[in-house]
Structure formats: C-alpha cells, structure tokens
Amino acid sequence: MELLFVCLAGAVYGAIGRYAMPGRELHGSMLIPAIGTGAAALIWVALTWLGMPWAGGWIWTITLILTPLVVVVSNLVIVHRRREDDALMLDTLSRAV
C-alpha cells in the first residue's frame, strides 16, 4: 500500500515539474510524470531492499526529497538534449537542399 502512495507522490511531483519548468513543448505530456513515478518507486524499493522499514520516517523523507531532484534533472537534460538535436537536424536539413 505504501508503494502505491509513493508512486502517486512521484506522479504528482512529475506533473508539477512538467508544468513548472520551461521547455514542456519539447516532450510528451506524460514523460516527466512517468519519470517521477518510476523514480519514486525505484528509490522506495531500493531503500526497502537496504532494510529500511516501510513505516519509518527516513524512507519517506529520502524518497520524497530524491524524487523531485530526479524529475528536475531529467527535465533539464531532456529539454537541453532536444534543443541540441533539433538545431542539428535543422542544420542538416537546411544543407540538404
């Protein structure tokens, strides 16, 4: 049940990240929320495997701090990469004529 709440929190962080950060026109509407959901679930499961109790406060704190960081970094990298690739493609297509 806790994993469900963690995934929901990751999706919410991802949705906030999508609409709060610039460059949302450069990727799909569900990409960043999906990254947030996956990151939250992965972090939670990794911490569980490391022996942290589900009802403990530290597992929640670590997960809810790392997830937005993953969302922000992912969004920045995707937007930067997309702008570079679009400029390269435009240059390539402009020379082809």
PDB file of N, CA and C in Angstrom:
ATOM      1  N   MET A   1       0.818  -1.192   0.000  1.00  0.00           N
ATOM      2  CA  MET A   1       0.000   0.000   0.000  1.00  0.00           C
ATOM      3  C   MET A   1       0.866   1.261   0.000  1.00  0.00           C
ATOM      4  N   GLU A   2       1.979   1.206   0.743  1.00  0.00           N
ATOM      5  CA  GLU A   2       2.864   2.367   0.786  1.00  0.00           C
ATOM      6  C   GLU A   2       3.448   2.660  -0.592  1.00  0.00           C
ATOM      7  N   LEU A   3       3.767   1.611  -1.343  1.00  0.00           N
ATOM      8  CA  LEU A   3       4.319   1.804  -2.683  1.00  0.00           C
ATOM      9  C   LEU A   3       3.329   2.533  -3.583  1.00  0.00           C
ATOM     10  N   LEU A   4       2.056   2.279  -3.416  1.00  0.00           N
ATOM     11  CA  LEU A   4       1.028   2.993  -4.190  1.00  0.00           C
ATOM     12  C   LEU A   4       1.075   4.487  -3.883  1.00  0.00           C
ATOM     13  N   PHE A   5       1.183   4.835  -2.601  1.00  0.00           N
ATOM     14  CA  PHE A   5       1.244   6.247  -2.225  1.00  0.00           C
ATOM     15  C   PHE A   5       2.535   6.895  -2.717  1.00  0.00           C
ATOM     16  N   VAL A   6       3.616   6.156  -2.691  1.00  0.00           N
ATOM     17  CA  VAL A   6       4.896   6.673  -3.186  1.00  0.00           C
ATOM     18  C   VAL A   6       4.804   6.931  -4.688  1.00  0.00           C
ATOM     19  N   CYS A   7       4.212   6.007  -5.428  1.00  0.00           N
ATOM     20  CA  CYS A   7       4.046   6.195  -6.872  1.00  0.00           C
ATOM     21  C   CYS A   7       3.147   7.386  -7.175  1.00  0.00           C
ATOM     22  N   LEU A   8       2.104   7.549  -6.391  1.00  0.00           N
ATOM     23  CA  LEU A   8       1.216   8.702  -6.569  1.00  0.00           C
ATOM     24  C   LEU A   8       1.978   9.999  -6.317  1.00  0.00           C
ATOM     25  N   ALA A   9       2.773  10.027  -5.255  1.00  0.00           N
ATOM     26  CA  ALA A   9       3.577  11.219  -4.970  1.00  0.00           C
ATOM     27  C   ALA A   9       4.559  11.492  -6.107  1.00  0.00           C
ATOM     28  N   GLY A  10       5.166  10.453  -6.656  1.00  0.00           N
ATOM     29  CA  GLY A  10       6.080  10.630  -7.780  1.00  0.00           C
ATOM     30  C   GLY A  10       5.385  11.190  -9.008  1.00  0.00           C
ATOM     31  N   ALA A  11       4.165  10.723  -9.266  1.00  0.00           N
ATOM     32  CA  ALA A  11       3.393  11.241 -10.400  1.00  0.00           C
ATOM     33  C   ALA A  11       3.030  12.708 -10.185  1.00  0.00           C
ATOM     34  N   VAL A  12       2.684  13.059  -8.966  1.00  0.00           N
ATOM     35  CA  VAL A  12       2.347  14.459  -8.657  1.00  0.00           C
ATOM     36  C   VAL A  12       3.586  15.334  -8.805  1.00  0.00           C
ATOM     37  N   TYR A  13       4.720  14.882  -8.278  1.00  0.00           N
ATOM     38  CA  TYR A  13       5.963  15.635  -8.459  1.00  0.00           C
ATOM     39  C   TYR A  13       6.286  15.795  -9.941  1.00  0.00           C
ATOM     40  N   GLY A  14       6.085  14.752 -10.709  1.00  0.00           N
ATOM     41  CA  GLY A  14       6.347  14.827 -12.142  1.00  0.00           C
ATOM     42  C   GLY A  14       5.423  15.794 -12.853  1.00  0.00           C
ATOM     43  N   ALA A  15       4.153  15.799 -12.482  1.00  0.00           N
ATOM     44  CA  ALA A  15       3.199  16.726 -13.096  1.00  0.00           C
ATOM     45  C   ALA A  15       3.541  18.168 -12.735  1.00  0.00           C
ATOM     46  N   ILE A  16       3.908  18.386 -11.487  1.00  0.00           N
ATOM     47  CA  ILE A  16       4.314  19.733 -11.085  1.00  0.00           C
ATOM     48  C   ILE A  16       5.572  20.147 -11.843  1.00  0.00           C
ATOM     49  N   GLY A  17       6.516  19.227 -11.946  1.00  0.00           N
ATOM     50  CA  GLY A  17       7.744  19.514 -12.679  1.00  0.00           C
ATOM     51  C   GLY A  17       7.487  19.814 -14.146  1.00  0.00           C
ATOM     52  N   ARG A  18       6.563  19.107 -14.737  1.00  0.00           N
ATOM     53  CA  ARG A  18       6.249  19.338 -16.151  1.00  0.00           C
ATOM     54  C   ARG A  18       5.719  20.732 -16.385  1.00  0.00           C
ATOM     55  N   TYR A  19       4.815  21.174 -15.546  1.00  0.00           N
ATOM     56  CA  TYR A  19       4.163  22.457 -15.775  1.00  0.00           C
ATOM     57  C   TYR A  19       4.870  23.626 -15.115  1.00  0.00           C
ATOM     58  N   ALA A  20       5.794  23.377 -14.202  1.00  0.00           N
ATOM     59  CA  ALA A  20       6.513  24.464 -13.535  1.00  0.00           C
ATOM     60  C   ALA A  20       7.822  24.813 -14.235  1.00  0.00           C
ATOM     61  N   MET A  21       8.337  23.902 -15.038  1.00  0.00           N
ATOM     62  CA  MET A  21       9.635  24.136 -15.672  1.00  0.00           C
ATOM     63  C   MET A  21       9.464  24.472 -17.151  1.00  0.00           C
ATOM     64  N   PRO A  22      10.391  25.257 -17.694  1.00  0.00           N
ATOM     65  CA  PRO A  22      10.295  25.610 -19.113  1.00  0.00           C
ATOM     66  C   PRO A  22      10.626  24.429 -20.020  1.00  0.00           C
ATOM     67  N   GLY A  23      10.183  24.515 -21.252  1.00  0.00           N
ATOM     68  CA  GLY A  23      10.514  23.509 -22.252  1.00  0.00           C
ATOM     69  C   GLY A  23       9.505  22.389 -22.379  1.00  0.00           C
ATOM     70  N   ARG A  24       8.320  22.547 -21.811  1.00  0.00           N
ATOM     71  CA  ARG A  24       7.357  21.444 -21.862  1.00  0.00           C
ATOM     72  C   ARG A  24       6.836  21.166 -23.270  1.00  0.00           C
ATOM     73  N   GLU A  25       7.045  22.104 -24.190  1.00  0.00           N
ATOM     74  CA  GLU A  25       6.618  21.870 -25.571  1.00  0.00           C
ATOM     75  C   GLU A  25       7.578  20.926 -26.308  1.00  0.00           C
ATOM     76  N   LEU A  26       8.679  20.569 -25.667  1.00  0.00           N
ATOM     77  CA  LEU A  26       9.689  19.742 -26.319  1.00  0.00           C
ATOM     78  C   LEU A  26       9.610  18.264 -25.981  1.00  0.00           C
ATOM     79  N   HIS A  27       8.650  17.877 -25.144  1.00  0.00           N
ATOM     80  CA  HIS A  27       8.490  16.456 -24.826  1.00  0.00           C
ATOM     81  C   HIS A  27       7.024  16.157 -24.563  1.00  0.00           C
ATOM     82  N   GLY A  28       6.698  14.902 -24.498  1.00  0.00           N
ATOM     83  CA  GLY A  28       5.314  14.473 -24.337  1.00  0.00           C
ATOM     84  C   GLY A  28       4.740  14.836 -22.971  1.00  0.00           C
ATOM     85  N   SER A  29       3.439  14.886 -22.910  1.00  0.00           N
ATOM     86  CA  SER A  29       2.772  15.342 -21.693  1.00  0.00           C
ATOM     87  C   SER A  29       2.910  14.371 -20.524  1.00  0.00           C
ATOM     88  N   MET A  30       3.159  13.109 -20.785  1.00  0.00           N
ATOM     89  CA  MET A  30       3.249  12.126 -19.704  1.00  0.00           C
ATOM     90  C   MET A  30       4.678  11.674 -19.410  1.00  0.00           C
ATOM     91  N   LEU A  31       5.654  12.188 -20.135  1.00  0.00           N
ATOM     92  CA  LEU A  31       7.027  11.726 -19.943  1.00  0.00           C
ATOM     93  C   LEU A  31       7.570  12.062 -18.557  1.00  0.00           C
ATOM     94  N   ILE A  32       7.491  13.302 -18.160  1.00  0.00           N
ATOM     95  CA  ILE A  32       8.053  13.713 -16.873  1.00  0.00           C
ATOM     96  C   ILE A  32       7.266  13.122 -15.705  1.00  0.00           C
ATOM     97  N   PRO A  33       5.918  13.099 -15.736  1.00  0.00           N
ATOM     98  CA  PRO A  33       5.213  12.391 -14.656  1.00  0.00           C
ATOM     99  C   PRO A  33       5.558  10.901 -14.590  1.00  0.00           C
ATOM    100  N   ALA A  34       5.774  10.273 -15.732  1.00  0.00           N
ATOM    101  CA  ALA A  34       6.168   8.854 -15.728  1.00  0.00           C
ATOM    102  C   ALA A  34       7.560   8.679 -15.131  1.00  0.00           C
ATOM    103  N   ILE A  35       8.470   9.593 -15.432  1.00  0.00           N
ATOM    104  CA  ILE A  35       9.806   9.526 -14.836  1.00  0.00           C
ATOM    105  C   ILE A  35       9.703   9.711 -13.323  1.00  0.00           C
ATOM    106  N   GLY A  36       8.868  10.636 -12.882  1.00  0.00           N
ATOM    107  CA  GLY A  36       8.671  10.841 -11.449  1.00  0.00           C
ATOM    108  C   GLY A  36       8.112   9.610 -10.763  1.00  0.00           C
ATOM    109  N   THR A  37       7.129   8.981 -11.393  1.00  0.00           N
ATOM    110  CA  THR A  37       6.533   7.768 -10.827  1.00  0.00           C
ATOM    111  C   THR A  37       7.557   6.643 -10.738  1.00  0.00           C
ATOM    112  N   GLY A  38       8.271   6.427 -11.822  1.00  0.00           N
ATOM    113  CA  GLY A  38       9.273   5.366 -11.844  1.00  0.00           C
ATOM    114  C   GLY A  38      10.411   5.619 -10.867  1.00  0.00           C
ATOM    115  N   ALA A  39      10.859   6.871 -10.791  1.00  0.00           N
ATOM    116  CA  ALA A  39      11.953   7.194  -9.871  1.00  0.00           C
ATOM    117  C   ALA A  39      11.528   6.980  -8.425  1.00  0.00           C
ATOM    118  N   ALA A  40      10.330   7.422  -8.080  1.00  0.00           N
ATOM    119  CA  ALA A  40       9.852   7.247  -6.705  1.00  0.00           C
ATOM    120  C   ALA A  40       9.752   5.767  -6.350  1.00  0.00           C
ATOM    121  N   ALA A  41       9.205   4.974  -7.259  1.00  0.00           N
ATOM    122  CA  ALA A  41       9.071   3.542  -6.996  1.00  0.00           C
ATOM    123  C   ALA A  41      10.444   2.877  -6.879  1.00  0.00           C
ATOM    124  N   LEU A  42      11.361   3.237  -7.763  1.00  0.00           N
ATOM    125  CA  LEU A  42      12.701   2.649  -7.739  1.00  0.00           C
ATOM    126  C   LEU A  42      13.456   3.021  -6.464  1.00  0.00           C
ATOM    127  N   ILE A  43      13.379   4.270  -6.070  1.00  0.00           N
ATOM    128  CA  ILE A  43      14.046   4.710  -4.844  1.00  0.00           C
ATOM    129  C   ILE A  43      13.455   3.987  -3.638  1.00  0.00           C
ATOM    130  N   TRP A  44      12.124   3.914  -3.580  1.00  0.00           N
ATOM    131  CA  TRP A  44      11.449   3.250  -2.457  1.00  0.00           C
ATOM    132  C   TRP A  44      11.846   1.773  -2.356  1.00  0.00           C
ATOM    133  N   VAL A  45      11.823   1.094  -3.481  1.00  0.00           N
ATOM    134  CA  VAL A  45      12.163  -0.331  -3.481  1.00  0.00           C
ATOM    135  C   VAL A  45      13.640  -0.532  -3.108  1.00  0.00           C
ATOM    136  N   ALA A  46      14.515   0.311  -3.622  1.00  0.00           N
ATOM    137  CA  ALA A  46      15.940   0.197  -3.281  1.00  0.00           C
ATOM    138  C   ALA A  46      16.155   0.397  -1.780  1.00  0.00           C
ATOM    139  N   LEU A  47      15.483   1.382  -1.215  1.00  0.00           N
ATOM    140  CA  LEU A  47      15.618   1.611   0.224  1.00  0.00           C
ATOM    141  C   LEU A  47      15.005   0.472   1.034  1.00  0.00           C
ATOM    142  N   THR A  48      13.943  -0.115   0.516  1.00  0.00           N
ATOM    143  CA  THR A  48      13.347  -1.273   1.183  1.00  0.00           C
ATOM    144  C   THR A  48      14.326  -2.448   1.166  1.00  0.00           C
ATOM    145  N   TRP A  49      14.970  -2.679   0.021  1.00  0.00           N
ATOM    146  CA  TRP A  49      15.948  -3.753  -0.082  1.00  0.00           C
ATOM    147  C   TRP A  49      17.156  -3.513   0.830  1.00  0.00           C
ATOM    148  N   LEU A  50      17.445  -2.252   1.096  1.00  0.00           N
ATOM    149  CA  LEU A  50      18.539  -1.928   2.001  1.00  0.00           C
ATOM    150  C   LEU A  50      18.150  -2.104   3.465  1.00  0.00           C
ATOM    151  N   GLY A  51      16.894  -2.475   3.713  1.00  0.00           N
ATOM    152  CA  GLY A  51      16.464  -2.801   5.063  1.00  0.00           C
ATOM    153  C   GLY A  51      15.719  -1.715   5.809  1.00  0.00           C
ATOM    154  N   MET A  52      15.381  -0.628   5.138  1.00  0.00           N
ATOM    155  CA  MET A  52      14.636   0.425   5.826  1.00  0.00           C
ATOM    156  C   MET A  52      13.184  -0.021   6.034  1.00  0.00           C
ATOM    157  N   PRO A  53      12.639   0.241   7.210  1.00  0.00           N
ATOM    158  CA  PRO A  53      11.244  -0.156   7.460  1.00  0.00           C
ATOM    159  C   PRO A  53      10.266   0.751   6.716  1.00  0.00           C
ATOM    160  N   TRP A  54       9.176   0.166   6.248  1.00  0.00           N
ATOM    161  CA  TRP A  54       8.175   0.922   5.497  1.00  0.00           C
ATOM    162  C   TRP A  54       7.532   2.022   6.326  1.00  0.00           C
ATOM    163  N   ALA A  55       7.369   1.774   7.588  1.00  0.00           N
ATOM    164  CA  ALA A  55       6.698   2.736   8.455  1.00  0.00           C
ATOM    165  C   ALA A  55       7.666   3.776   9.015  1.00  0.00           C
ATOM    166  N   GLY A  56       8.929   3.669   8.668  1.00  0.00           N
ATOM    167  CA  GLY A  56       9.918   4.608   9.176  1.00  0.00           C
ATOM    168  C   GLY A  56       9.842   5.947   8.462  1.00  0.00           C
ATOM    169  N   GLY A  57      10.252   6.966   9.139  1.00  0.00           N
ATOM    170  CA  GLY A  57      10.218   8.302   8.562  1.00  0.00           C
ATOM    171  C   GLY A  57      11.316   8.564   7.553  1.00  0.00           C
ATOM    172  N   TRP A  58      12.472   7.891   7.722  1.00  0.00           N
ATOM    173  CA  TRP A  58      13.589   8.156   6.828  1.00  0.00           C
ATOM    174  C   TRP A  58      13.337   7.678   5.407  1.00  0.00           C
ATOM    175  N   ILE A  59      12.663   6.574   5.235  1.00  0.00           N
ATOM    176  CA  ILE A  59      12.401   6.076   3.880  1.00  0.00           C
ATOM    177  C   ILE A  59      11.508   7.060   3.115  1.00  0.00           C
ATOM    178  N   TRP A  60      10.554   7.629   3.829  1.00  0.00           N
ATOM    179  CA  TRP A  60       9.672   8.628   3.213  1.00  0.00           C
ATOM    180  C   TRP A  60      10.441   9.906   2.902  1.00  0.00           C
ATOM    181  N   THR A  61      11.237  10.356   3.859  1.00  0.00           N
ATOM    182  CA  THR A  61      11.988  11.596   3.678  1.00  0.00           C
ATOM    183  C   THR A  61      12.948  11.486   2.496  1.00  0.00           C
ATOM    184  N   ILE A  62      13.711  10.424   2.450  1.00  0.00           N
ATOM    185  CA  ILE A  62      14.681  10.240   1.365  1.00  0.00           C
ATOM    186  C   ILE A  62      13.974  10.145   0.015  1.00  0.00           C
ATOM    187  N   THR A  63      12.906   9.365  -0.034  1.00  0.00           N
ATOM    188  CA  THR A  63      12.184   9.194  -1.298  1.00  0.00           C
ATOM    189  C   THR A  63      11.565  10.504  -1.761  1.00  0.00           C
ATOM    190  N   LEU A  64      10.954  11.243  -0.846  1.00  0.00           N
ATOM    191  CA  LEU A  64      10.264  12.474  -1.226  1.00  0.00           C
ATOM    192  C   LEU A  64      11.215  13.648  -1.454  1.00  0.00           C
ATOM    193  N   ILE A  65      12.486  13.486  -1.120  1.00  0.00           N
ATOM    194  CA  ILE A  65      13.486  14.506  -1.461  1.00  0.00           C
ATOM    195  C   ILE A  65      14.193  14.152  -2.766  1.00  0.00           C
ATOM    196  N   LEU A  66      14.517  12.877  -2.960  1.00  0.00           N
ATOM    197  CA  LEU A  66      15.237  12.481  -4.175  1.00  0.00           C
ATOM    198  C   LEU A  66      14.355  12.506  -5.425  1.00  0.00           C
ATOM    199  N   THR A  67      13.077  12.192  -5.277  1.00  0.00           N
ATOM    200  CA  THR A  67      12.195  12.137  -6.448  1.00  0.00           C
ATOM    201  C   THR A  67      12.100  13.471  -7.179  1.00  0.00           C
ATOM    202  N   PRO A  68      11.843  14.605  -6.490  1.00  0.00           N
ATOM    203  CA  PRO A  68      11.816  15.862  -7.243  1.00  0.00           C
ATOM    204  C   PRO A  68      13.164  16.222  -7.862  1.00  0.00           C
ATOM    205  N   LEU A  69      14.249  15.823  -7.217  1.00  0.00           N
ATOM    206  CA  LEU A  69      15.560  16.077  -7.812  1.00  0.00           C
ATOM    207  C   LEU A  69      15.723  15.319  -9.121  1.00  0.00           C
ATOM    208  N   VAL A  70      15.284  14.065  -9.137  1.00  0.00           N
ATOM    209  CA  VAL A  70      15.341  13.274 -10.372  1.00  0.00           C
ATOM    210  C   VAL A  70      14.461  13.904 -11.447  1.00  0.00           C
ATOM    211  N   VAL A  71      13.282  14.375 -11.066  1.00  0.00           N
ATOM    212  CA  VAL A  71      12.361  15.000 -12.017  1.00  0.00           C
ATOM    213  C   VAL A  71      12.985  16.255 -12.624  1.00  0.00           C
ATOM    214  N   VAL A  72      13.560  17.112 -11.798  1.00  0.00           N
ATOM    215  CA  VAL A  72      14.149  18.358 -12.290  1.00  0.00           C
ATOM    216  C   VAL A  72      15.340  18.069 -13.201  1.00  0.00           C
ATOM    217  N   VAL A  73      16.235  17.199 -12.771  1.00  0.00           N
ATOM    218  CA  VAL A  73      17.412  16.884 -13.585  1.00  0.00           C
ATOM    219  C   VAL A  73      16.996  16.228 -14.903  1.00  0.00           C
ATOM    220  N   SER A  74      16.049  15.309 -14.849  1.00  0.00           N
ATOM    221  CA  SER A  74      15.574  14.647 -16.071  1.00  0.00           C
ATOM    222  C   SER A  74      14.982  15.655 -17.037  1.00  0.00           C
ATOM    223  N   ASN A  75      14.161  16.548 -16.529  1.00  0.00           N
ATOM    224  CA  ASN A  75      13.535  17.552 -17.392  1.00  0.00           C
ATOM    225  C   ASN A  75      14.594  18.453 -18.020  1.00  0.00           C
ATOM    226  N   LEU A  76      15.548  18.906 -17.242  1.00  0.00           N
ATOM    227  CA  LEU A  76      16.594  19.777 -17.776  1.00  0.00           C
ATOM    228  C   LEU A  76      17.427  19.066 -18.845  1.00  0.00           C
ATOM    229  N   VAL A  77      17.780  17.826 -18.595  1.00  0.00           N
ATOM    230  CA  VAL A  77      18.586  17.071 -19.562  1.00  0.00           C
ATOM    231  C   VAL A  77      17.792  16.815 -20.846  1.00  0.00           C
ATOM    232  N   ILE A  78      16.543  16.408 -20.710  1.00  0.00           N
ATOM    233  CA  ILE A  78      15.719  16.119 -21.891  1.00  0.00           C
ATOM    234  C   ILE A  78      15.526  17.370 -22.735  1.00  0.00           C
ATOM    235  N   VAL A  79      15.209  18.493 -22.099  1.00  0.00           N
ATOM    236  CA  VAL A  79      14.982  19.741 -22.843  1.00  0.00           C
ATOM    237  C   VAL A  79      16.270  20.200 -23.523  1.00  0.00           C
ATOM    238  N   HIS A  80      17.372  20.157 -22.800  1.00  0.00           N
ATOM    239  CA  HIS A  80      18.658  20.565 -23.389  1.00  0.00           C
ATOM    240  C   HIS A  80      19.026  19.687 -24.577  1.00  0.00           C
ATOM    241  N   ARG A  81      18.898  18.390 -24.396  1.00  0.00           N
ATOM    242  CA  ARG A  81      19.221  17.444 -25.467  1.00  0.00           C
ATOM    243  C   ARG A  81      18.310  17.636 -26.678  1.00  0.00           C
ATOM    244  N   ARG A  82      17.043  17.863 -26.425  1.00  0.00           N
ATOM    245  CA  ARG A  82      16.093  18.038 -27.521  1.00  0.00           C
ATOM    246  C   ARG A  82      16.398  19.304 -28.316  1.00  0.00           C
ATOM    247  N   ARG A  83      16.740  20.379 -27.615  1.00  0.00           N
ATOM    248  CA  ARG A  83      17.089  21.620 -28.318  1.00  0.00           C
ATOM    249  C   ARG A  83      18.333  21.433 -29.168  1.00  0.00           C
ATOM    250  N   GLU A  84      19.338  20.750 -28.623  1.00  0.00           N
ATOM    251  CA  GLU A  84      20.558  20.478 -29.399  1.00  0.00           C
ATOM    252  C   GLU A  84      20.253  19.620 -30.623  1.00  0.00           C
ATOM    253  N   ASP A  85      19.493  18.555 -30.430  1.00  0.00           N
ATOM    254  CA  ASP A  85      19.173  17.653 -31.536  1.00  0.00           C
ATOM    255  C   ASP A  85      18.309  18.339 -32.590  1.00  0.00           C
ATOM    256  N   ASP A  86      17.378  19.193 -32.165  1.00  0.00           N
ATOM    257  CA  ASP A  86      16.543  19.917 -33.132  1.00  0.00           C
ATOM    258  C   ASP A  86      17.381  20.898 -33.948  1.00  0.00           C
ATOM    259  N   ALA A  87      18.317  21.585 -33.298  1.00  0.00           N
ATOM    260  CA  ALA A  87      19.184  22.515 -34.024  1.00  0.00           C
ATOM    261  C   ALA A  87      20.070  21.768 -35.019  1.00  0.00           C
ATOM    262  N   LEU A  88      20.584  20.622 -34.619  1.00  0.00           N
ATOM    263  CA  LEU A  88      21.403  19.808 -35.515  1.00  0.00           C
ATOM    264  C   LEU A  88      20.582  19.301 -36.695  1.00  0.00           C
ATOM    265  N   MET A  89      19.380  18.864 -36.435  1.00  0.00           N
ATOM    266  CA  MET A  89      18.523  18.375 -37.523  1.00  0.00           C
ATOM    267  C   MET A  89      18.154  19.508 -38.484  1.00  0.00           C
ATOM    268  N   LEU A  90      17.866  20.686 -37.943  1.00  0.00           N
ATOM    269  CA  LEU A  90      17.555  21.828 -38.796  1.00  0.00           C
ATOM    270  C   LEU A  90      18.746  22.181 -39.673  1.00  0.00           C
ATOM    271  N   ASP A  91      19.926  22.163 -39.098  1.00  0.00           N
ATOM    272  CA  ASP A  91      21.133  22.457 -39.854  1.00  0.00           C
ATOM    273  C   ASP A  91      21.344  21.399 -40.943  1.00  0.00           C
ATOM    274  N   THR A  92      21.149  20.133 -40.613  1.00  0.00           N
ATOM    275  CA  THR A  92      21.325  19.051 -41.572  1.00  0.00           C
ATOM    276  C   THR A  92      20.319  19.169 -42.718  1.00  0.00           C
ATOM    277  N   LEU A  93      19.083  19.444 -42.392  1.00  0.00           N
ATOM    278  CA  LEU A  93      18.052  19.558 -43.420  1.00  0.00           C
ATOM    279  C   LEU A  93      18.235  20.815 -44.260  1.00  0.00           C
ATOM    280  N   SER A  94      18.753  21.879 -43.658  1.00  0.00           N
ATOM    281  CA  SER A  94      18.969  23.125 -44.412  1.00  0.00           C
ATOM    282  C   SER A  94      20.069  22.955 -45.448  1.00  0.00           C
ATOM    283  N   ARG A  95      21.063  22.151 -45.147  1.00  0.00           N
ATOM    284  CA  ARG A  95      22.167  21.934 -46.092  1.00  0.00           C
ATOM    285  C   ARG A  95      21.801  20.916 -47.171  1.00  0.00           C
ATOM    286  N   ALA A  96      20.813  20.134 -46.959  1.00  0.00           N
ATOM    287  CA  ALA A  96      20.452  19.076 -47.918  1.00  0.00           C
ATOM    288  C   ALA A  96      19.834  19.624 -49.187  1.00  0.00           C
ATOM    289  N   VAL A  97      19.335  20.820 -49.153  1.00  0.00           N
ATOM    290  CA  VAL A  97      18.651  21.400 -50.309  1.00  0.00           C
ATOM    291  C   VAL A  97      19.594  21.916 -51.332  1.00  0.00           C
TER     292      VAL A  97
END
